[in-house]
Amino acid sequence: MKNGHGNFENEVTGNKILDLCCGSGEVTMALKKCEVIGVDLYTTNAYYNRTGKKPIPLSFKDTI
């Protein structure tokens, strides 16, 4: 483990990952070698601050 996050890069078979409900980017950071697209309803700023990547912002209206 690095920085409290598991290293899952060797266990993932694809290189494009959708991090749905990405939160502040814990999974994205654990999969640094993959192309990760984050999506979240609330935590877009926290995700950007941790990962440096802009997530796709959704609202509840978008999900209905």
PDB file of N, CA and C in Angstrom:
ATOM      1  N   MET A   1       0.835  -1.190   0.000  1.00  0.00           N
ATOM      2  CA  MET A   1       0.000   0.000   0.000  1.00  0.00           C
ATOM      3  C   MET A   1       0.874   1.246   0.000  1.00  0.00           C
ATOM      4  N   LYS A   2       0.422   2.219  -0.725  1.00  0.00           N
ATOM      5  CA  LYS A   2       1.137   3.480  -0.813  1.00  0.00           C
ATOM      6  C   LYS A   2       0.187   4.591  -0.404  1.00  0.00           C
ATOM      7  N   ASN A   3       0.575   5.390   0.567  1.00  0.00           N
ATOM      8  CA  ASN A   3      -0.261   6.487   1.057  1.00  0.00           C
ATOM      9  C   ASN A   3      -1.644   6.017   1.497  1.00  0.00           C
ATOM     10  N   GLY A   4      -1.743   4.804   2.025  1.00  0.00           N
ATOM     11  CA  GLY A   4      -3.015   4.302   2.507  1.00  0.00           C
ATOM     12  C   GLY A   4      -3.920   3.758   1.426  1.00  0.00           C
ATOM     13  N   HIS A   5      -3.492   3.801   0.176  1.00  0.00           N
ATOM     14  CA  HIS A   5      -4.296   3.309  -0.933  1.00  0.00           C
ATOM     15  C   HIS A   5      -3.659   2.044  -1.484  1.00  0.00           C
ATOM     16  N   GLY A   6      -4.491   1.104  -1.862  1.00  0.00           N
ATOM     17  CA  GLY A   6      -3.967  -0.120  -2.461  1.00  0.00           C
ATOM     18  C   GLY A   6      -3.401   0.150  -3.840  1.00  0.00           C
ATOM     19  N   ASN A   7      -2.524  -0.728  -4.285  1.00  0.00           N
ATOM     20  CA  ASN A   7      -1.988  -0.629  -5.636  1.00  0.00           C
ATOM     21  C   ASN A   7      -2.695  -1.680  -6.472  1.00  0.00           C
ATOM     22  N   PHE A   8      -3.710  -1.267  -7.205  1.00  0.00           N
ATOM     23  CA  PHE A   8      -4.532  -2.184  -7.981  1.00  0.00           C
ATOM     24  C   PHE A   8      -4.149  -2.196  -9.458  1.00  0.00           C
ATOM     25  N   GLU A   9      -3.138  -1.421  -9.826  1.00  0.00           N
ATOM     26  CA  GLU A   9      -2.792  -1.265 -11.235  1.00  0.00           C
ATOM     27  C   GLU A   9      -2.481  -2.587 -11.916  1.00  0.00           C
ATOM     28  N   ASN A  10      -1.861  -3.517 -11.218  1.00  0.00           N
ATOM     29  CA  ASN A  10      -1.516  -4.800 -11.816  1.00  0.00           C
ATOM     30  C   ASN A  10      -2.711  -5.742 -11.909  1.00  0.00           C
ATOM     31  N   GLU A  11      -3.816  -5.416 -11.236  1.00  0.00           N
ATOM     32  CA  GLU A  11      -4.993  -6.267 -11.225  1.00  0.00           C
ATOM     33  C   GLU A  11      -6.062  -5.810 -12.210  1.00  0.00           C
ATOM     34  N   VAL A  12      -5.922  -4.625 -12.791  1.00  0.00           N
ATOM     35  CA  VAL A  12      -6.905  -4.081 -13.716  1.00  0.00           C
ATOM     36  C   VAL A  12      -6.491  -4.447 -15.132  1.00  0.00           C
ATOM     37  N   THR A  13      -7.422  -5.015 -15.902  1.00  0.00           N
ATOM     38  CA  THR A  13      -7.076  -5.472 -17.247  1.00  0.00           C
ATOM     39  C   THR A  13      -7.316  -4.425 -18.333  1.00  0.00           C
ATOM     40  N   GLY A  14      -8.152  -3.445 -18.095  1.00  0.00           N
ATOM     41  CA  GLY A  14      -8.403  -2.403 -19.084  1.00  0.00           C
ATOM     42  C   GLY A  14      -7.576  -1.183 -18.779  1.00  0.00           C
ATOM     43  N   ASN A  15      -7.581  -0.236 -19.681  1.00  0.00           N
ATOM     44  CA  ASN A  15      -6.843   0.986 -19.372  1.00  0.00           C
ATOM     45  C   ASN A  15      -7.756   2.198 -19.250  1.00  0.00           C
ATOM     46  N   LYS A  16      -9.064   2.024 -19.500  1.00  0.00           N
ATOM     47  CA  LYS A  16     -10.032   3.106 -19.322  1.00  0.00           C
ATOM     48  C   LYS A  16     -11.013   2.686 -18.232  1.00  0.00           C
ATOM     49  N   ILE A  17     -11.090   3.496 -17.193  1.00  0.00           N
ATOM     50  CA  ILE A  17     -11.904   3.172 -16.025  1.00  0.00           C
ATOM     51  C   ILE A  17     -12.879   4.320 -15.757  1.00  0.00           C
ATOM     52  N   LEU A  18     -14.138   3.999 -15.488  1.00  0.00           N
ATOM     53  CA  LEU A  18     -15.116   4.984 -15.047  1.00  0.00           C
ATOM     54  C   LEU A  18     -15.210   4.883 -13.534  1.00  0.00           C
ATOM     55  N   ASP A  19     -14.835   5.944 -12.854  1.00  0.00           N
ATOM     56  CA  ASP A  19     -14.920   6.008 -11.395  1.00  0.00           C
ATOM     57  C   ASP A  19     -16.228   6.720 -11.056  1.00  0.00           C
ATOM     58  N   LEU A  20     -17.313   5.942 -10.993  1.00  0.00           N
ATOM     59  CA  LEU A  20     -18.637   6.475 -10.716  1.00  0.00           C
ATOM     60  C   LEU A  20     -18.757   6.749  -9.227  1.00  0.00           C
ATOM     61  N   CYS A  21     -19.278   7.908  -8.862  1.00  0.00           N
ATOM     62  CA  CYS A  21     -19.300   8.364  -7.464  1.00  0.00           C
ATOM     63  C   CYS A  21     -17.864   8.449  -6.966  1.00  0.00           C
ATOM     64  N   CYS A  22     -17.044   9.197  -7.689  1.00  0.00           N
ATOM     65  CA  CYS A  22     -15.594   9.223  -7.494  1.00  0.00           C
ATOM     66  C   CYS A  22     -15.131   9.844  -6.193  1.00  0.00           C
ATOM     67  N   GLY A  23     -16.021  10.531  -5.483  1.00  0.00           N
ATOM     68  CA  GLY A  23     -15.613  11.114  -4.212  1.00  0.00           C
ATOM     69  C   GLY A  23     -14.436  12.044  -4.387  1.00  0.00           C
ATOM     70  N   SER A  24     -13.430  11.895  -3.529  1.00  0.00           N
ATOM     71  CA  SER A  24     -12.258  12.766  -3.637  1.00  0.00           C
ATOM     72  C   SER A  24     -11.115  12.097  -4.393  1.00  0.00           C
ATOM     73  N   GLY A  25     -11.407  10.998  -5.097  1.00  0.00           N
ATOM     74  CA  GLY A  25     -10.427  10.440  -6.014  1.00  0.00           C
ATOM     75  C   GLY A  25      -9.544   9.329  -5.494  1.00  0.00           C
ATOM     76  N   GLU A  26      -9.938   8.654  -4.423  1.00  0.00           N
ATOM     77  CA  GLU A  26      -9.110   7.591  -3.866  1.00  0.00           C
ATOM     78  C   GLU A  26      -8.842   6.480  -4.884  1.00  0.00           C
ATOM     79  N   VAL A  27      -9.879   6.042  -5.607  1.00  0.00           N
ATOM     80  CA  VAL A  27      -9.708   4.973  -6.595  1.00  0.00           C
ATOM     81  C   VAL A  27      -8.885   5.483  -7.770  1.00  0.00           C
ATOM     82  N   THR A  28      -9.149   6.690  -8.208  1.00  0.00           N
ATOM     83  CA  THR A  28      -8.382   7.269  -9.312  1.00  0.00           C
ATOM     84  C   THR A  28      -6.899   7.306  -8.971  1.00  0.00           C
ATOM     85  N   MET A  29      -6.559   7.688  -7.756  1.00  0.00           N
ATOM     86  CA  MET A  29      -5.156   7.757  -7.353  1.00  0.00           C
ATOM     87  C   MET A  29      -4.530   6.369  -7.280  1.00  0.00           C
ATOM     88  N   ALA A  30      -5.309   5.363  -6.921  1.00  0.00           N
ATOM     89  CA  ALA A  30      -4.785   3.996  -6.848  1.00  0.00           C
ATOM     90  C   ALA A  30      -4.572   3.409  -8.241  1.00  0.00           C
ATOM     91  N   LEU A  31      -5.187   4.009  -9.247  1.00  0.00           N
ATOM     92  CA  LEU A  31      -5.084   3.519 -10.623  1.00  0.00           C
ATOM     93  C   LEU A  31      -4.393   4.552 -11.514  1.00  0.00           C
ATOM     94  N   LYS A  32      -3.298   5.092 -11.044  1.00  0.00           N
ATOM     95  CA  LYS A  32      -2.621   6.183 -11.746  1.00  0.00           C
ATOM     96  C   LYS A  32      -2.212   5.846 -13.176  1.00  0.00           C
ATOM     97  N   LYS A  33      -1.905   4.578 -13.466  1.00  0.00           N
ATOM     98  CA  LYS A  33      -1.459   4.218 -14.814  1.00  0.00           C
ATOM     99  C   LYS A  33      -2.617   4.064 -15.796  1.00  0.00           C
ATOM    100  N   CYS A  34      -3.832   4.079 -15.299  1.00  0.00           N
ATOM    101  CA  CYS A  34      -5.009   3.922 -16.153  1.00  0.00           C
ATOM    102  C   CYS A  34      -5.594   5.287 -16.497  1.00  0.00           C
ATOM    103  N   GLU A  35      -6.372   5.326 -17.550  1.00  0.00           N
ATOM    104  CA  GLU A  35      -7.120   6.527 -17.887  1.00  0.00           C
ATOM    105  C   GLU A  35      -8.435   6.463 -17.119  1.00  0.00           C
ATOM    106  N   VAL A  36      -8.553   7.273 -16.076  1.00  0.00           N
ATOM    107  CA  VAL A  36      -9.722   7.240 -15.206  1.00  0.00           C
ATOM    108  C   VAL A  36     -10.563   8.485 -15.441  1.00  0.00           C
ATOM    109  N   ILE A  37     -11.858   8.272 -15.602  1.00  0.00           N
ATOM    110  CA  ILE A  37     -12.817   9.373 -15.735  1.00  0.00           C
ATOM    111  C   ILE A  37     -13.682   9.360 -14.489  1.00  0.00           C
ATOM    112  N   GLY A  38     -13.632  10.429 -13.724  1.00  0.00           N
ATOM    113  CA  GLY A  38     -14.411  10.533 -12.498  1.00  0.00           C
ATOM    114  C   GLY A  38     -15.761  11.178 -12.755  1.00  0.00           C
ATOM    115  N   VAL A  39     -16.775  10.695 -12.059  1.00  0.00           N
ATOM    116  CA  VAL A  39     -18.125  11.246 -12.144  1.00  0.00           C
ATOM    117  C   VAL A  39     -18.677  11.328 -10.725  1.00  0.00           C
ATOM    118  N   ASP A  40     -19.228  12.477 -10.362  1.00  0.00           N
ATOM    119  CA  ASP A  40     -19.809  12.594  -9.025  1.00  0.00           C
ATOM    120  C   ASP A  40     -20.849  13.709  -8.995  1.00  0.00           C
ATOM    121  N   LEU A  41     -21.787  13.588  -8.055  1.00  0.00           N
ATOM    122  CA  LEU A  41     -22.848  14.582  -7.893  1.00  0.00           C
ATOM    123  C   LEU A  41     -22.411  15.762  -7.036  1.00  0.00           C
ATOM    124  N   TYR A  42     -21.530  15.529  -6.060  1.00  0.00           N
ATOM    125  CA  TYR A  42     -21.204  16.573  -5.090  1.00  0.00           C
ATOM    126  C   TYR A  42     -19.729  16.933  -4.974  1.00  0.00           C
ATOM    127  N   THR A  43     -18.853  15.989  -5.152  1.00  0.00           N
ATOM    128  CA  THR A  43     -17.466  16.185  -4.720  1.00  0.00           C
ATOM    129  C   THR A  43     -16.503  16.555  -5.846  1.00  0.00           C
ATOM    130  N   THR A  44     -16.979  17.271  -6.847  1.00  0.00           N
ATOM    131  CA  THR A  44     -16.115  17.597  -7.971  1.00  0.00           C
ATOM    132  C   THR A  44     -14.882  18.400  -7.547  1.00  0.00           C
ATOM    133  N   ASN A  45     -15.032  19.335  -6.624  1.00  0.00           N
ATOM    134  CA  ASN A  45     -13.887  20.128  -6.164  1.00  0.00           C
ATOM    135  C   ASN A  45     -12.874  19.272  -5.411  1.00  0.00           C
ATOM    136  N   ALA A  46     -13.352  18.392  -4.548  1.00  0.00           N
ATOM    137  CA  ALA A  46     -12.451  17.516  -3.790  1.00  0.00           C
ATOM    138  C   ALA A  46     -11.704  16.576  -4.735  1.00  0.00           C
ATOM    139  N   TYR A  47     -12.383  16.071  -5.748  1.00  0.00           N
ATOM    140  CA  TYR A  47     -11.757  15.187  -6.733  1.00  0.00           C
ATOM    141  C   TYR A  47     -10.657  15.934  -7.481  1.00  0.00           C
ATOM    142  N   TYR A  48     -10.965  17.126  -7.948  1.00  0.00           N
ATOM    143  CA  TYR A  48      -9.976  17.921  -8.682  1.00  0.00           C
ATOM    144  C   TYR A  48      -8.776  18.262  -7.794  1.00  0.00           C
ATOM    145  N   ASN A  49      -9.046  18.655  -6.549  1.00  0.00           N
ATOM    146  CA  ASN A  49      -7.958  19.029  -5.644  1.00  0.00           C
ATOM    147  C   ASN A  49      -6.999  17.873  -5.388  1.00  0.00           C
ATOM    148  N   ARG A  50      -7.501  16.649  -5.288  1.00  0.00           N
ATOM    149  CA  ARG A  50      -6.643  15.499  -5.015  1.00  0.00           C
ATOM    150  C   ARG A  50      -5.963  14.972  -6.275  1.00  0.00           C
ATOM    151  N   THR A  51      -6.693  14.921  -7.389  1.00  0.00           N
ATOM    152  CA  THR A  51      -6.180  14.241  -8.578  1.00  0.00           C
ATOM    153  C   THR A  51      -5.627  15.177  -9.649  1.00  0.00           C
ATOM    154  N   GLY A  52      -6.065  16.438  -9.634  1.00  0.00           N
ATOM    155  CA  GLY A  52      -5.682  17.365 -10.684  1.00  0.00           C
ATOM    156  C   GLY A  52      -6.477  17.160 -11.967  1.00  0.00           C
ATOM    157  N   LYS A  53      -7.474  16.270 -11.905  1.00  0.00           N
ATOM    158  CA  LYS A  53      -8.323  15.980 -13.067  1.00  0.00           C
ATOM    159  C   LYS A  53      -9.715  16.536 -12.821  1.00  0.00           C
ATOM    160  N   LYS A  54     -10.336  17.056 -13.869  1.00  0.00           N
ATOM    161  CA  LYS A  54     -11.706  17.552 -13.744  1.00  0.00           C
ATOM    162  C   LYS A  54     -12.674  16.394 -13.952  1.00  0.00           C
ATOM    163  N   PRO A  55     -13.524  16.132 -12.959  1.00  0.00           N
ATOM    164  CA  PRO A  55     -14.521  15.081 -13.121  1.00  0.00           C
ATOM    165  C   PRO A  55     -15.708  15.583 -13.934  1.00  0.00           C
ATOM    166  N   ILE A  56     -16.532  14.661 -14.364  1.00  0.00           N
ATOM    167  CA  ILE A  56     -17.776  15.032 -15.028  1.00  0.00           C
ATOM    168  C   ILE A  56     -18.789  15.357 -13.934  1.00  0.00           C
ATOM    169  N   PRO A  57     -19.236  16.602 -13.853  1.00  0.00           N
ATOM    170  CA  PRO A  57     -20.190  16.971 -12.806  1.00  0.00           C
ATOM    171  C   PRO A  57     -21.605  16.576 -13.241  1.00  0.00           C
ATOM    172  N   LEU A  58     -22.299  15.901 -12.385  1.00  0.00           N
ATOM    173  CA  LEU A  58     -23.702  15.549 -12.635  1.00  0.00           C
ATOM    174  C   LEU A  58     -24.559  16.118 -11.533  1.00  0.00           C
ATOM    175  N   SER A  59     -25.817  16.329 -11.838  1.00  0.00           N
ATOM    176  CA  SER A  59     -26.791  16.717 -10.816  1.00  0.00           C
ATOM    177  C   SER A  59     -27.775  15.569 -10.670  1.00  0.00           C
ATOM    178  N   PHE A  60     -28.587  15.610  -9.637  1.00  0.00           N
ATOM    179  CA  PHE A  60     -29.599  14.578  -9.483  1.00  0.00           C
ATOM    180  C   PHE A  60     -30.568  14.589 -10.672  1.00  0.00           C
ATOM    181  N   LYS A  61     -30.820  15.762 -11.211  1.00  0.00           N
ATOM    182  CA  LYS A  61     -31.697  15.874 -12.371  1.00  0.00           C
ATOM    183  C   LYS A  61     -31.106  15.088 -13.564  1.00  0.00           C
ATOM    184  N   ASP A  62     -29.786  15.111 -13.713  1.00  0.00           N
ATOM    185  CA  ASP A  62     -29.130  14.382 -14.799  1.00  0.00           C
ATOM    186  C   ASP A  62     -29.297  12.869 -14.642  1.00  0.00           C
ATOM    187  N   THR A  63     -29.436  12.396 -13.414  1.00  0.00           N
ATOM    188  CA  THR A  63     -29.479  10.958 -13.179  1.00  0.00           C
ATOM    189  C   THR A  63     -30.883  10.371 -13.207  1.00  0.00           C
ATOM    190  N   ILE A  64     -31.886  11.228 -13.214  1.00  0.00           N
ATOM    191  CA  ILE A  64     -33.275  10.730 -13.212  1.00  0.00           C
ATOM    192  C   ILE A  64     -33.735  10.425 -14.611  1.00  0.00           C
TER     193      ILE A  64
END
